[in-house]
């Protein structure tokens, strides 16, 4: 299932991803630091979404209490709950 998230507290305005049987696919950020976000997307592509949540949760960016990885983790956790019913 495809998920689109209007981001808050991070540079990208929107990001999206697809979950296929708990596996993360097609992570795409619009805006933000292109190189870092492409790298993040490639690193999590094809991984178990629960593992990605565990690895990325709690990462901050400078003095900002959140980050692109943390916001992706939070969105993934919500998506997993939603898909579980």
Protein backbone atom coordinates (compact mmCIF):
# COMPACT_ATOMS: atom_id res chain seq x y z
CA UNK A 1 0.00 0.00 0.00
CA UNK A 2 1.33 3.47 -0.89
CA UNK A 3 1.56 6.12 1.82
CA UNK A 4 2.09 9.87 1.35
CA UNK A 5 3.06 12.04 4.30
CA UNK A 6 2.95 15.82 4.58
CA UNK A 7 6.10 16.38 6.59
CA UNK A 8 6.36 18.67 9.60
CA UNK A 9 9.53 19.79 11.36
CA UNK A 10 11.88 18.68 8.55
CA UNK A 11 13.08 20.20 5.27
CA UNK A 12 11.17 17.98 2.80
CA UNK A 13 7.56 19.09 2.30
CA UNK A 14 6.26 15.63 1.44
CA UNK A 15 7.56 12.08 1.39
CA UNK A 16 6.06 8.81 0.27
CA UNK A 17 6.73 5.10 0.49
CA UNK A 18 5.09 1.79 -0.26
CA UNK A 19 4.73 -1.18 2.08
CA UNK A 20 4.52 -4.61 0.45
CA UNK A 21 4.00 -7.37 3.01
CA UNK A 22 5.93 -5.37 5.60
CA UNK A 23 8.81 -4.56 3.24
CA UNK A 24 9.65 -0.94 2.47
CA UNK A 25 9.71 0.10 -1.18
CA UNK A 26 9.76 3.31 -3.21
CA UNK A 27 10.85 5.81 -0.57
CA UNK A 28 10.76 9.30 -2.10
CA UNK A 29 11.35 12.67 -0.45
CA UNK A 30 10.33 15.95 -2.13
CA UNK A 31 12.58 18.78 -1.03
CA UNK A 32 15.37 18.71 1.52
CA UNK A 33 18.97 17.66 0.94
CA UNK A 34 18.80 15.60 -2.23
CA UNK A 35 22.01 13.63 -1.74
CA UNK A 36 21.38 12.65 1.86
CA UNK A 37 17.77 11.73 1.20
CA UNK A 38 18.65 9.66 -1.87
CA UNK A 39 21.18 7.83 0.29
CA UNK A 40 18.65 7.26 3.06
CA UNK A 41 16.11 6.00 0.53
CA UNK A 42 18.56 3.53 -1.00
CA UNK A 43 19.68 2.25 2.39
CA UNK A 44 16.16 1.39 3.55
CA UNK A 45 14.83 0.10 0.21
CA UNK A 46 13.85 -3.57 0.46
CA UNK A 47 14.25 -3.78 4.26
CA UNK A 48 11.68 -4.97 6.74
CA UNK A 49 9.75 -1.87 7.81
CA UNK A 50 9.89 -2.82 11.50
CA UNK A 51 13.67 -3.01 11.32
CA UNK A 52 13.78 0.44 9.69
CA UNK A 53 11.60 1.85 12.48
CA UNK A 54 13.92 0.36 15.10
CA UNK A 55 17.07 1.69 13.42
CA UNK A 56 15.87 5.22 12.58
CA UNK A 57 13.69 6.12 15.58
CA UNK A 58 14.96 8.91 17.78
CA UNK A 59 17.50 10.46 15.40
CA UNK A 60 17.65 14.24 15.73
CA UNK A 61 19.10 16.84 13.34
CA UNK A 62 21.28 19.41 15.04
CA UNK A 63 19.17 21.17 17.65
CA UNK A 64 15.96 20.02 15.95
CA UNK A 65 14.36 17.24 18.06
CA UNK A 66 13.50 15.28 14.92
CA UNK A 67 15.02 14.47 11.53
CA UNK A 68 14.13 13.02 8.15
CA UNK A 69 15.04 9.49 9.31
CA UNK A 70 13.02 9.91 12.53
CA UNK A 71 9.98 11.24 10.65
CA UNK A 72 10.19 8.32 8.21
CA UNK A 73 10.32 5.92 11.18
CA UNK A 74 7.26 7.56 12.78
CA UNK A 75 5.31 7.42 9.51
CA UNK A 76 6.28 3.78 8.99
CA UNK A 77 5.13 2.87 12.50
CA UNK A 78 1.75 4.53 11.83
CA UNK A 79 1.45 2.78 8.46
CA UNK A 80 2.25 -0.61 10.01
CA UNK A 81 -0.43 -0.09 12.66
CA UNK A 82 -2.95 1.00 10.04
CA UNK A 83 -2.25 -1.98 7.80
CA UNK A 84 -2.44 -4.39 10.75
CA UNK A 85 -6.00 -3.22 11.29
